[in-house]
């Protein structure tokens, strides 16, 4: 079976080049954890502060079957781990220790109307 998600790994704003990530794995992760508010299109309007490693070493296959190993830092690492959580049945709200840790945001400027 395949585990798949799609992510923009270009690290360039508005590049639009999406990567198909097949059978992703985290090989290593930094000890430094950084907490930041995360939102999810699956539960729009709700944010939770999620601690994640600042840097990760990952492996995956491309849609052509090419094996890739790479390092991701900061936002790229956070997005990769967020999507990997979905494959493992975990939502960002699962990181909340209580219902009070979930913030409702009615207007998310981070999501553009253009898509």
Protein backbone atom coordinates (compact mmCIF):
# COMPACT_ATOMS: atom_id res chain seq x y z
CA UNK A 1 0.00 0.00 0.00
CA UNK A 2 1.03 3.60 -0.52
CA UNK A 3 0.92 6.54 1.84
CA UNK A 4 0.72 9.77 -0.14
CA UNK A 5 0.40 13.51 0.38
CA UNK A 6 1.01 16.57 -1.77
CA UNK A 7 3.19 19.46 -0.57
CA UNK A 8 4.93 22.50 -2.03
CA UNK A 9 8.59 21.89 -1.20
CA UNK A 10 9.89 24.59 -3.55
CA UNK A 11 10.41 27.09 -0.69
CA UNK A 12 9.51 29.84 -3.18
CA UNK A 13 6.35 31.89 -2.70
CA UNK A 14 3.71 31.38 -5.38
CA UNK A 15 5.91 28.94 -7.32
CA UNK A 16 3.03 26.51 -7.45
CA UNK A 17 5.26 23.47 -7.93
CA UNK A 18 3.76 20.68 -5.88
CA UNK A 19 5.63 17.54 -4.84
CA UNK A 20 3.88 14.21 -4.53
CA UNK A 21 5.32 12.57 -1.42
CA UNK A 22 5.02 8.77 -1.40
CA UNK A 23 5.73 6.60 1.67
CA UNK A 24 7.34 9.38 3.73
CA UNK A 25 9.54 8.66 6.73
CA UNK A 26 11.31 10.84 9.27
CA UNK A 27 14.88 9.59 9.58
CA UNK A 28 16.14 12.11 12.15
CA UNK A 29 14.84 15.15 13.97
CA UNK A 30 16.48 17.93 15.91
CA UNK A 31 16.11 18.06 19.66
CA UNK A 32 15.05 21.70 19.42
CA UNK A 33 11.26 21.94 19.36
CA UNK A 34 9.46 25.12 18.36
CA UNK A 35 5.80 25.70 19.19
CA UNK A 36 3.72 27.60 16.64
CA UNK A 37 0.04 28.00 15.87
CA UNK A 38 -1.11 25.61 13.15
CA UNK A 39 -4.31 25.62 11.18
CA UNK A 40 -5.69 22.98 8.87
CA UNK A 41 -7.98 23.08 5.86
CA UNK A 42 -9.70 19.99 7.29
CA UNK A 43 -10.85 22.06 10.31
CA UNK A 44 -10.89 25.64 9.03
CA UNK A 45 -11.05 28.35 11.64
CA UNK A 46 -9.33 26.47 14.47
CA UNK A 47 -5.70 26.85 15.48
CA UNK A 48 -3.60 25.01 18.03
CA UNK A 49 -0.05 25.63 19.20
CA UNK A 50 1.92 22.57 18.09
CA UNK A 51 5.53 21.88 19.15
CA UNK A 52 7.57 20.42 16.30
CA UNK A 53 11.26 19.81 15.60
CA UNK A 54 13.00 22.78 13.98
CA UNK A 55 14.79 20.48 11.51
CA UNK A 56 14.13 16.98 10.17
CA UNK A 57 15.84 14.54 7.85
CA UNK A 58 13.27 12.72 5.71
CA UNK A 59 13.03 10.12 3.00
CA UNK A 60 10.26 9.52 0.49
CA UNK A 61 9.64 8.48 -3.07
CA UNK A 62 8.49 10.70 -5.89
CA UNK A 63 5.55 9.74 -8.09
CA UNK A 64 8.15 8.39 -10.57
CA UNK A 65 9.54 6.07 -7.86
CA UNK A 66 12.75 8.05 -7.30
CA UNK A 67 14.08 7.76 -3.73
CA UNK A 68 14.74 11.13 -2.07
CA UNK A 69 16.50 11.93 1.20
CA UNK A 70 16.58 15.57 2.25
CA UNK A 71 16.72 17.95 5.20
CA UNK A 72 13.83 20.29 5.91
CA UNK A 73 13.88 23.26 8.30
CA UNK A 74 11.37 25.62 9.84
CA UNK A 75 8.05 25.95 8.02
CA UNK A 76 8.91 23.24 5.47
CA UNK A 77 9.61 20.75 8.28
CA UNK A 78 6.41 21.80 10.07
CA UNK A 79 4.27 21.33 6.95
CA UNK A 80 5.83 17.95 6.15
CA UNK A 81 5.15 16.71 9.70
CA UNK A 82 1.62 18.15 9.68
CA UNK A 83 0.78 16.21 6.51
CA UNK A 84 2.51 13.09 7.84
CA UNK A 85 0.32 13.35 10.94
CA UNK A 86 -2.75 13.11 8.68
CA UNK A 87 -1.44 9.84 7.23
CA UNK A 88 -1.15 8.54 10.78
CA UNK A 89 -4.71 9.62 11.65
CA UNK A 90 -3.68 12.61 13.74
CA UNK A 91 -5.09 16.14 13.51
CA UNK A 92 -3.49 19.34 14.79
CA UNK A 93 -6.23 19.55 17.41
CA UNK A 94 -4.95 16.28 18.89
CA UNK A 95 -2.00 18.29 20.26
CA UNK A 96 -4.34 20.33 22.48
CA UNK A 97 -4.05 19.36 26.13
CA UNK A 98 -7.50 20.81 26.83
CA UNK A 99 -10.33 22.35 24.81
CA UNK A 100 -9.04 25.76 25.95
CA UNK A 101 -5.88 25.21 23.88
CA UNK A 102 -7.92 25.36 20.65
CA UNK A 103 -8.41 28.88 19.33
CA UNK A 104 -11.17 29.83 16.96
CA UNK A 105 -10.09 32.14 14.17
CA UNK A 106 -12.90 33.37 11.96
CA UNK A 107 -10.67 35.25 9.52
CA UNK A 108 -7.50 33.45 8.50
CA UNK A 109 -5.37 35.76 6.42
CA UNK A 110 -3.02 32.85 5.77
CA UNK A 111 -5.47 31.24 3.33
CA UNK A 112 -5.77 33.19 0.12
CA UNK A 113 -9.01 33.28 -1.77
CA UNK A 114 -7.09 32.55 -4.96
CA UNK A 115 -6.14 29.07 -3.74
